[in-house]
Amino acid sequence: MTKTPDRILTTHVGSLPRPKAVLDLLFARAKGESVDAAAFEAAVAAAVEDAVMRQKKAGIDIPSDGEISKISYATYVAERLTGFSGDSPRRVPSDLLEVPRYMKRLADTGGTPQLARPCCTGAVHVRTTEPLEADIARFQKTLKMHGYGQAFMNAAAPGVISLFQPNRFYKDDEAYLEALASAMAPEYRRIVEAGFYLQIDSPDLGAGRHTMYADLDEKEFLRRVEVHVAALNEALRDIPQDRIRVHLCWGNYEGPHTHDIPLATILPVALKIKAGAISFEAANPRHAHEWAVFRDIKLPDDRVLIPGVIDSCSNYVEHPDLVAERLCRFADIVGRQRVMASADCGFATVADWNTVDPDIVWMKFASMVEGAERASKRLWR
């Protein structure tokens, strides 16, 4: 990621609320219903244009396409790759298992995603690149319309794909991760070739501890995610590091999060990923204190931090002074040119799952931009 010479830049994690017209089409396709291709393209293109326009209006410096065409940030790969079918049991986070009454309330009020999560039941290979090429074409067109010179596009890490779509085919998880990395590598390369920053979404490094690997001790968990990182790095080997950013988190849901593994524990592993920038939760009540981790763990000189300074699970709109305070804390430790402002996570990681009201999302972004401006005035005065 480019270091900024004179101010704190703003971005976010990727997913944005989809309009109903897009939601209806996404879920119709997910159910196997016939969907007119032209109607789908028209609805998605209009929604992407609106999302980019709103990001421009809010003052976001490095936007995304909102992941508008995807039903979720991880399970979207089932339509692009072979080898997936059926459904799989939900891996309920350990913290929610401790509060069954609250867990039931979340489920009863739509607070948990309901989409299918297919298993890996066959060999994983690229099925089609058409959805990716369509995403690229409409995003490039819209960015040009709104005068953007830089942007990012999301792609799922092999590890998070394996978290949501468990292996029922390969001899072991290592073989499954290797196949996923090989199949996803062309998508990673194509995103960068198209002129975007590539954001790798890798919540498996955080949320995987209390979901996929909840039954392991910490030492074994870290050994497992080292394998995840090795597979990811193999898929990224042909891409310049400064064109890659990685996002890690502990699950974008409103819950106790009392089983979240500390950032200090997983950061040394995360920093092994071939990425020029690291995006992570730093605004919500469970992780807002972890800015101090960077006083003890030195950030490599070639890395940039993209901390979340607005919460993606709360309808409170953070005050710009709080945003500025959070940014200045990081800047005081790693340097003002190595910090960007972002959200904790996506605001619609699953298409119809919006904890934050769509109108409030844009209010939060506007406050984040104002906070970044205030931080910049303090840091460059």
Protein backbone atom coordinates (compact mmCIF):
# COMPACT_ATOMS: atom_id res chain seq x y z
CA MET A 1 0.00 0.00 0.00
CA THR A 2 1.17 3.52 -0.77
CA LYS A 3 2.33 5.53 2.21
CA THR A 4 0.61 8.89 2.31
CA PRO A 5 2.87 11.97 2.51
CA ASP A 6 0.53 14.57 3.97
CA ARG A 7 -2.66 13.11 5.50
CA ILE A 8 -4.43 9.99 6.78
CA LEU A 9 -6.22 8.22 3.93
CA THR A 10 -9.60 6.54 4.36
CA THR A 11 -10.87 3.18 3.15
CA HIS A 12 -13.04 0.36 4.53
CA VAL A 13 -13.22 -3.45 4.56
CA GLY A 14 -15.32 -4.06 1.46
CA SER A 15 -18.91 -5.24 1.73
CA LEU A 16 -21.72 -2.68 1.67
CA PRO A 17 -25.51 -3.01 1.99
CA ARG A 18 -27.23 -4.28 -1.17
CA PRO A 19 -30.58 -2.89 -2.38
CA LYS A 20 -33.62 -5.17 -2.34
CA ALA A 21 -33.56 -5.64 -6.11
CA VAL A 22 -30.09 -7.18 -5.86
CA LEU A 23 -30.93 -9.21 -2.75
CA ASP A 24 -33.92 -10.80 -4.45
CA LEU A 25 -31.84 -11.84 -7.44
CA LEU A 26 -28.92 -13.16 -5.35
CA PHE A 27 -31.14 -15.37 -3.23
CA ALA A 28 -33.18 -16.54 -6.21
CA ARG A 29 -29.95 -17.74 -7.82
CA ALA A 30 -28.86 -19.36 -4.56
CA LYS A 31 -32.13 -21.34 -4.52
CA GLY A 32 -31.51 -22.56 -8.06
CA GLU A 33 -34.23 -20.42 -9.60
CA SER A 34 -33.88 -19.07 -13.13
CA VAL A 35 -32.59 -15.48 -13.14
CA ASP A 36 -32.38 -13.37 -16.27
CA ALA A 37 -28.71 -12.51 -16.83
CA ALA A 38 -29.44 -9.07 -18.24
CA ALA A 39 -31.70 -8.19 -15.33
CA PHE A 40 -29.05 -9.34 -12.85
CA GLU A 41 -26.33 -7.30 -14.55
CA ALA A 42 -28.51 -4.19 -14.70
CA ALA A 43 -29.41 -4.40 -11.01
CA VAL A 44 -25.86 -5.06 -9.86
CA ALA A 45 -24.35 -2.37 -12.10
CA ALA A 46 -26.80 0.22 -10.77
CA ALA A 47 -26.05 -0.79 -7.19
CA VAL A 48 -22.28 -0.64 -7.72
CA GLU A 49 -22.57 2.80 -9.28
CA ASP A 50 -24.63 3.97 -6.29
CA ALA A 51 -22.15 2.48 -3.82
CA VAL A 52 -19.16 4.15 -5.48
CA MET A 53 -21.02 7.46 -5.72
CA ARG A 54 -21.87 7.29 -2.00
CA GLN A 55 -18.26 6.47 -1.12
CA LYS A 56 -17.12 9.47 -3.14
CA LYS A 57 -19.67 11.70 -1.44
CA ALA A 58 -18.60 10.46 2.00
CA GLY A 59 -14.95 11.18 1.16
CA ILE A 60 -13.57 7.61 1.04
CA ASP A 61 -10.16 7.70 -0.65
CA ILE A 62 -9.80 4.02 -1.56
CA PRO A 63 -13.21 2.48 -2.31
CA SER A 64 -14.49 -1.00 -3.12
CA ASP A 65 -17.32 -2.23 -5.31
CA GLY A 66 -19.20 -3.14 -2.12
CA GLU A 67 -19.05 -6.86 -3.03
CA ILE A 68 -22.51 -6.20 -4.44
CA SER A 69 -22.58 -9.23 -6.75
CA LYS A 70 -21.60 -11.70 -4.01
CA ILE A 71 -23.99 -13.47 -1.66
CA SER A 72 -21.23 -13.50 0.97
CA TYR A 73 -17.55 -12.73 1.18
CA ALA A 74 -16.54 -16.40 1.52
CA THR A 75 -19.22 -18.65 0.00
CA TYR A 76 -19.31 -16.74 -3.31
CA VAL A 77 -16.51 -19.00 -4.53
CA ALA A 78 -18.93 -21.92 -4.91
CA GLU A 79 -20.19 -20.46 -8.19
CA ARG A 80 -16.67 -19.78 -9.48
CA LEU A 81 -14.99 -23.04 -8.50
CA THR A 82 -15.85 -26.70 -8.94
CA GLY A 83 -16.11 -29.14 -6.06
CA PHE A 84 -18.82 -27.65 -3.83
CA SER A 85 -22.32 -28.93 -3.17
CA GLY A 86 -24.97 -29.39 -0.50
CA ASP A 87 -24.92 -27.64 2.86
CA SER A 88 -22.99 -28.00 6.11
CA PRO A 89 -23.73 -27.47 9.81
CA ARG A 90 -23.04 -23.99 11.19
CA ARG A 91 -19.89 -23.69 13.26
CA VAL A 92 -21.33 -21.73 16.16
CA PRO A 93 -18.81 -19.44 17.89
CA SER A 94 -17.79 -20.69 21.33
CA ASP A 95 -18.83 -17.48 23.05
CA LEU A 96 -22.42 -17.82 21.81
CA LEU A 97 -22.63 -21.41 23.03
CA GLU A 98 -22.16 -20.04 26.54
CA VAL A 99 -25.22 -17.77 26.20
CA PRO A 100 -27.90 -20.00 24.59
CA ARG A 101 -30.75 -17.61 25.34
CA TYR A 102 -28.99 -14.78 23.53
CA MET A 103 -27.95 -17.12 20.71
CA LYS A 104 -31.60 -18.09 20.20
CA ARG A 105 -32.60 -14.44 20.20
CA LEU A 106 -30.06 -13.71 17.49
CA ALA A 107 -31.40 -16.56 15.37
CA ASP A 108 -35.06 -15.61 15.96
CA THR A 109 -34.49 -11.96 15.01
CA GLY A 110 -32.40 -12.62 11.91
CA GLY A 111 -29.13 -11.88 13.67
CA THR A 112 -27.40 -14.89 12.12
CA PRO A 113 -26.91 -15.55 8.38
CA GLN A 114 -29.23 -18.13 6.83
CA LEU A 115 -27.52 -18.86 3.52
CA ALA A 116 -26.34 -22.32 2.52
CA ARG A 117 -22.73 -23.23 3.16
CA PRO A 118 -21.82 -26.01 0.75
CA CYS A 119 -19.20 -28.63 1.55
CA CYS A 120 -16.21 -29.51 -0.57
CA THR A 121 -17.37 -32.76 -2.17
CA GLY A 122 -15.11 -32.93 -5.22
CA ALA A 123 -11.90 -31.68 -6.79
CA VAL A 124 -11.52 -27.91 -6.60
CA HIS A 125 -10.65 -26.14 -9.86
CA VAL A 126 -11.63 -22.92 -11.60
CA ARG A 127 -15.11 -23.36 -13.06
CA THR A 128 -15.57 -19.93 -14.62
CA THR A 129 -13.99 -16.49 -14.58
CA GLU A 130 -17.07 -14.73 -15.95
CA PRO A 131 -18.37 -13.39 -12.59
CA LEU A 132 -14.93 -11.96 -11.77
CA GLU A 133 -14.57 -10.35 -15.19
CA ALA A 134 -18.04 -8.83 -14.83
CA ASP A 135 -17.12 -7.44 -11.38
CA ILE A 136 -13.94 -5.92 -12.78
CA ALA A 137 -15.58 -4.38 -15.84
CA ARG A 138 -18.44 -2.69 -14.01
CA PHE A 139 -16.16 -1.47 -11.21
CA GLN A 140 -13.60 0.01 -13.63
CA LYS A 141 -16.37 1.80 -15.50
CA THR A 142 -17.89 3.24 -12.33
CA LEU A 143 -14.57 4.34 -10.87
CA LYS A 144 -13.81 6.28 -14.03
CA MET A 145 -17.23 7.96 -13.88
CA HIS A 146 -16.52 9.22 -10.37
CA GLY A 147 -12.89 10.20 -10.82
CA TYR A 148 -11.24 7.54 -8.67
CA GLY A 149 -7.61 6.68 -9.38
CA GLN A 150 -7.23 3.83 -6.92
CA ALA A 151 -9.52 1.20 -5.41
CA PHE A 152 -9.49 -2.28 -3.91
CA MET A 153 -11.32 -5.52 -4.57
CA ASN A 154 -11.89 -8.38 -2.11
CA ALA A 155 -11.10 -12.07 -2.47
CA ALA A 156 -11.41 -14.89 0.06
CA ALA A 157 -8.33 -16.53 1.55
CA PRO A 158 -8.04 -20.31 1.22
CA GLY A 159 -8.29 -20.58 5.00
CA VAL A 160 -11.61 -18.75 5.30
CA ILE A 161 -13.06 -20.76 2.42
CA SER A 162 -12.17 -23.91 4.34
CA LEU A 163 -13.74 -22.46 7.48
CA PHE A 164 -17.14 -21.89 5.87
CA GLN A 165 -17.05 -24.81 3.40
CA PRO A 166 -15.59 -27.82 5.20
CA ASN A 167 -13.61 -30.54 3.49
CA ARG A 168 -15.44 -33.77 2.65
CA PHE A 169 -13.22 -34.80 -0.27
CA TYR A 170 -9.48 -34.28 0.21
CA LYS A 171 -7.40 -36.62 2.35
CA ASP A 172 -6.59 -33.89 4.86
CA ASP A 173 -6.87 -30.16 5.44
CA GLU A 174 -3.41 -29.49 4.02
CA ALA A 175 -4.38 -31.03 0.69
CA TYR A 176 -7.64 -29.06 0.70
CA LEU A 177 -5.86 -25.77 1.41
CA GLU A 178 -3.33 -26.50 -1.33
CA ALA A 179 -6.14 -27.08 -3.83
CA LEU A 180 -7.94 -23.92 -2.75
CA ALA A 181 -4.79 -21.84 -3.05
CA SER A 182 -4.14 -23.15 -6.56
CA ALA A 183 -7.73 -22.44 -7.61
CA MET A 184 -7.87 -18.94 -6.09
CA ALA A 185 -4.46 -17.76 -7.34
CA PRO A 186 -5.76 -16.76 -10.82
CA GLU A 187 -8.44 -14.57 -9.20
CA TYR A 188 -5.86 -12.88 -7.00
CA ARG A 189 -3.59 -12.18 -9.96
CA ARG A 190 -6.41 -10.91 -12.17
CA ILE A 191 -7.60 -8.40 -9.58
CA VAL A 192 -4.12 -6.86 -9.42
CA GLU A 193 -3.68 -6.99 -13.20
CA ALA A 194 -6.93 -5.00 -13.48
CA GLY A 195 -5.32 -2.19 -11.50
CA PHE A 196 -6.85 -2.74 -8.06
CA TYR A 197 -5.33 -3.39 -4.70
CA LEU A 198 -6.11 -6.97 -3.72
CA GLN A 199 -7.69 -7.38 -0.30
CA ILE A 200 -7.41 -10.90 1.04
CA ASP A 201 -10.14 -11.61 3.60
CA SER A 202 -8.71 -13.98 6.20
CA PRO A 203 -10.88 -14.11 9.36
CA ASP A 204 -9.72 -17.70 9.83
CA LEU A 205 -6.70 -16.29 11.68
CA GLY A 206 -8.98 -14.77 14.33
CA ALA A 207 -12.50 -16.18 14.18
CA GLY A 208 -11.16 -19.59 13.28
CA ARG A 209 -9.93 -20.01 16.85
CA HIS A 210 -13.44 -20.12 18.35
CA THR A 211 -15.22 -21.75 15.38
CA MET A 212 -13.27 -24.06 13.08
CA TYR A 213 -10.57 -24.90 15.63
CA ALA A 214 -12.45 -24.44 18.89
CA ASP A 215 -11.44 -27.90 20.08
CA LEU A 216 -7.69 -27.30 19.73
CA ASP A 217 -5.34 -25.79 22.28
CA GLU A 218 -3.66 -22.51 21.42
CA LYS A 219 -0.35 -24.05 20.36
CA GLU A 220 -2.02 -26.41 17.92
CA PHE A 221 -4.27 -23.65 16.60
CA LEU A 222 -1.24 -21.52 15.79
CA ARG A 223 0.34 -24.46 14.04
CA ARG A 224 -2.79 -24.88 11.94
CA VAL A 225 -3.00 -21.23 10.88
CA GLU A 226 0.68 -21.32 9.94
CA VAL A 227 -0.44 -23.87 7.34
CA HIS A 228 -3.20 -21.47 6.23
CA VAL A 229 -0.66 -18.68 5.80
CA ALA A 230 1.74 -20.90 3.85
CA ALA A 231 -1.03 -21.87 1.42
CA LEU A 232 -2.06 -18.24 1.00
CA ASN A 233 1.50 -17.08 0.38
CA GLU A 234 1.92 -19.71 -2.29
CA ALA A 235 -1.14 -18.31 -4.08
CA LEU A 236 0.27 -14.77 -3.77
CA ARG A 237 3.80 -15.57 -4.91
CA ASP A 238 3.54 -13.78 -8.28
CA ILE A 239 1.93 -10.59 -6.92
CA PRO A 240 3.93 -7.58 -5.63
CA GLN A 241 3.55 -7.23 -1.86
CA ASP A 242 2.66 -3.55 -2.04
CA ARG A 243 -0.47 -4.39 -4.08
CA ILE A 244 -1.85 -6.70 -1.37
CA ARG A 245 -3.66 -5.95 1.87
CA VAL A 246 -5.05 -8.56 4.26
CA HIS A 247 -8.05 -8.31 6.58
CA LEU A 248 -8.33 -10.34 9.75
CA CYS A 249 -11.11 -10.29 12.33
CA TRP A 250 -12.81 -12.29 15.05
CA GLY A 251 -16.29 -12.55 13.51
CA ASN A 252 -18.51 -9.68 12.47
CA TYR A 253 -21.38 -10.36 14.86
CA GLU A 254 -22.71 -8.68 17.98
CA GLY A 255 -21.90 -11.06 20.82
CA PRO A 256 -19.74 -11.46 23.93
CA HIS A 257 -16.55 -12.30 21.99
CA THR A 258 -15.10 -13.63 25.23
CA HIS A 259 -13.34 -16.44 23.35
CA ASP A 260 -11.53 -14.17 20.87
CA ILE A 261 -7.84 -14.96 20.67
CA PRO A 262 -5.75 -11.85 21.49
CA LEU A 263 -4.28 -9.85 18.63
CA ALA A 264 -0.85 -10.15 20.24
CA THR A 265 -1.04 -13.94 19.87
CA ILE A 266 -1.94 -14.07 16.19
CA LEU A 267 -0.15 -10.96 14.94
CA PRO A 268 3.26 -12.64 14.50
CA VAL A 269 1.58 -15.23 12.24
CA ALA A 270 -0.45 -12.60 10.35
CA LEU A 271 2.69 -10.57 9.66
CA LYS A 272 4.10 -13.55 7.75
CA ILE A 273 1.47 -13.04 5.06
CA LYS A 274 2.83 -11.45 1.92
CA ALA A 275 0.86 -8.23 2.26
CA GLY A 276 1.84 -4.59 2.35
CA ALA A 277 -0.96 -3.65 4.73
CA ILE A 278 -2.94 -5.30 7.49
CA SER A 279 -6.57 -4.45 8.26
CA PHE A 280 -8.03 -5.44 11.63
CA GLU A 281 -10.69 -4.69 14.23
CA ALA A 282 -9.67 -1.90 16.59
CA ALA A 283 -12.89 -0.03 17.39
CA ASN A 284 -15.28 -2.50 19.04
CA PRO A 285 -15.30 -2.91 22.83
CA ARG A 286 -13.47 -6.25 22.73
CA HIS A 287 -10.48 -5.09 20.68
CA ALA A 288 -10.25 -1.29 21.01
CA HIS A 289 -7.48 -1.62 23.60
CA GLU A 290 -5.18 -3.60 21.32
CA TRP A 291 -3.59 -0.56 19.71
CA ALA A 292 -1.03 -0.99 22.50
CA VAL A 293 0.09 -4.31 20.98
CA PHE A 294 2.15 -2.38 18.44
CA ARG A 295 4.27 -0.91 21.21
CA ASP A 296 5.55 -4.41 21.91
CA ILE A 297 5.47 -6.07 18.47
CA LYS A 298 7.45 -4.10 15.91
CA LEU A 299 5.70 -3.54 12.61
CA PRO A 300 8.03 -4.38 9.71
CA ASP A 301 9.24 -1.28 7.89
CA ASP A 302 7.46 -2.26 4.67
CA ARG A 303 3.97 -2.56 6.23
CA VAL A 304 1.03 -0.18 6.69
CA LEU A 305 -1.70 -0.45 9.34
CA ILE A 306 -5.40 -0.18 8.46
CA PRO A 307 -7.09 -0.25 11.87
CA GLY A 308 -10.83 -0.20 12.27
CA VAL A 309 -11.80 3.12 13.84
CA ILE A 310 -15.57 2.68 13.45
CA ASP A 311 -17.50 -0.35 14.71
CA SER A 312 -19.29 -2.47 12.09
CA CYS A 313 -21.77 -3.99 14.59
CA SER A 314 -23.08 -0.88 16.34
CA ASN A 315 -25.56 1.78 15.19
CA TYR A 316 -23.79 4.39 17.28
CA VAL A 317 -22.01 6.90 15.02
CA GLU A 318 -18.54 7.45 16.40
CA HIS A 319 -17.62 11.08 17.07
CA PRO A 320 -14.91 12.42 14.73
CA ASP A 321 -12.77 13.29 17.74
CA LEU A 322 -12.85 9.66 18.88
CA VAL A 323 -11.85 8.55 15.37
CA ALA A 324 -9.00 11.07 15.39
CA GLU A 325 -7.88 9.90 18.83
CA ARG A 326 -7.75 6.29 17.67
CA LEU A 327 -5.78 7.15 14.54
CA CYS A 328 -3.29 9.30 16.43
CA ARG A 329 -2.58 6.46 18.87
CA PHE A 330 -1.48 4.22 16.02
CA ALA A 331 0.39 7.03 14.26
CA ASP A 332 2.33 7.87 17.41
CA ILE A 333 3.62 4.28 17.51
CA VAL A 334 4.26 3.35 13.86
CA GLY A 335 4.42 6.77 12.17
CA ARG A 336 1.79 8.98 10.61
CA GLN A 337 2.55 7.84 7.06
CA ARG A 338 1.86 4.20 7.92
CA VAL A 339 -1.75 4.46 9.11
CA MET A 340 -5.03 4.47 7.16
CA ALA A 341 -8.56 4.78 8.55
CA SER A 342 -11.06 1.97 8.10
CA ALA A 343 -14.03 0.15 9.61
CA ASP A 344 -13.72 -2.93 11.81
CA CYS A 345 -15.27 -5.21 9.19
CA GLY A 346 -17.67 -5.16 6.26
CA PHE A 347 -21.16 -3.78 6.76
CA ALA A 348 -22.85 -6.60 4.80
CA THR A 349 -20.52 -9.59 4.83
CA VAL A 350 -23.59 -11.68 3.98
CA ALA A 351 -25.91 -10.05 1.46
CA ASP A 352 -29.03 -9.66 3.64
CA TRP A 353 -27.33 -9.48 7.03
CA ASN A 354 -26.96 -5.85 8.12
CA THR A 355 -26.45 -5.26 11.83
CA VAL A 356 -25.95 -1.58 11.09
CA ASP A 357 -28.80 0.23 9.35
CA PRO A 358 -27.80 1.04 5.74
CA ASP A 359 -28.42 4.77 6.23
CA ILE A 360 -26.24 4.78 9.35
CA VAL A 361 -23.39 3.11 7.45
CA TRP A 362 -22.93 6.27 5.42
CA MET A 363 -23.17 8.46 8.52
CA LYS A 364 -20.38 6.39 10.05
CA PHE A 365 -18.23 6.78 6.95
CA ALA A 366 -18.72 10.56 6.95
CA SER A 367 -17.68 10.71 10.61
CA MET A 368 -14.64 8.52 9.89
CA VAL A 369 -13.55 10.85 7.10
CA GLU A 370 -13.98 13.90 9.33
CA GLY A 371 -12.02 12.15 12.08
CA ALA A 372 -9.20 11.34 9.66
CA GLU A 373 -9.08 14.99 8.66
CA ARG A 374 -8.85 16.06 12.30
CA ALA A 375 -6.13 13.51 12.97
CA SER A 376 -4.20 14.73 9.93
CA LYS A 377 -4.30 18.32 11.18
CA ARG A 378 -2.85 17.21 14.52
CA LEU A 379 -0.21 14.94 12.99
CA TRP A 380 0.97 17.35 10.27
CA ARG A 381 0.70 20.65 12.15
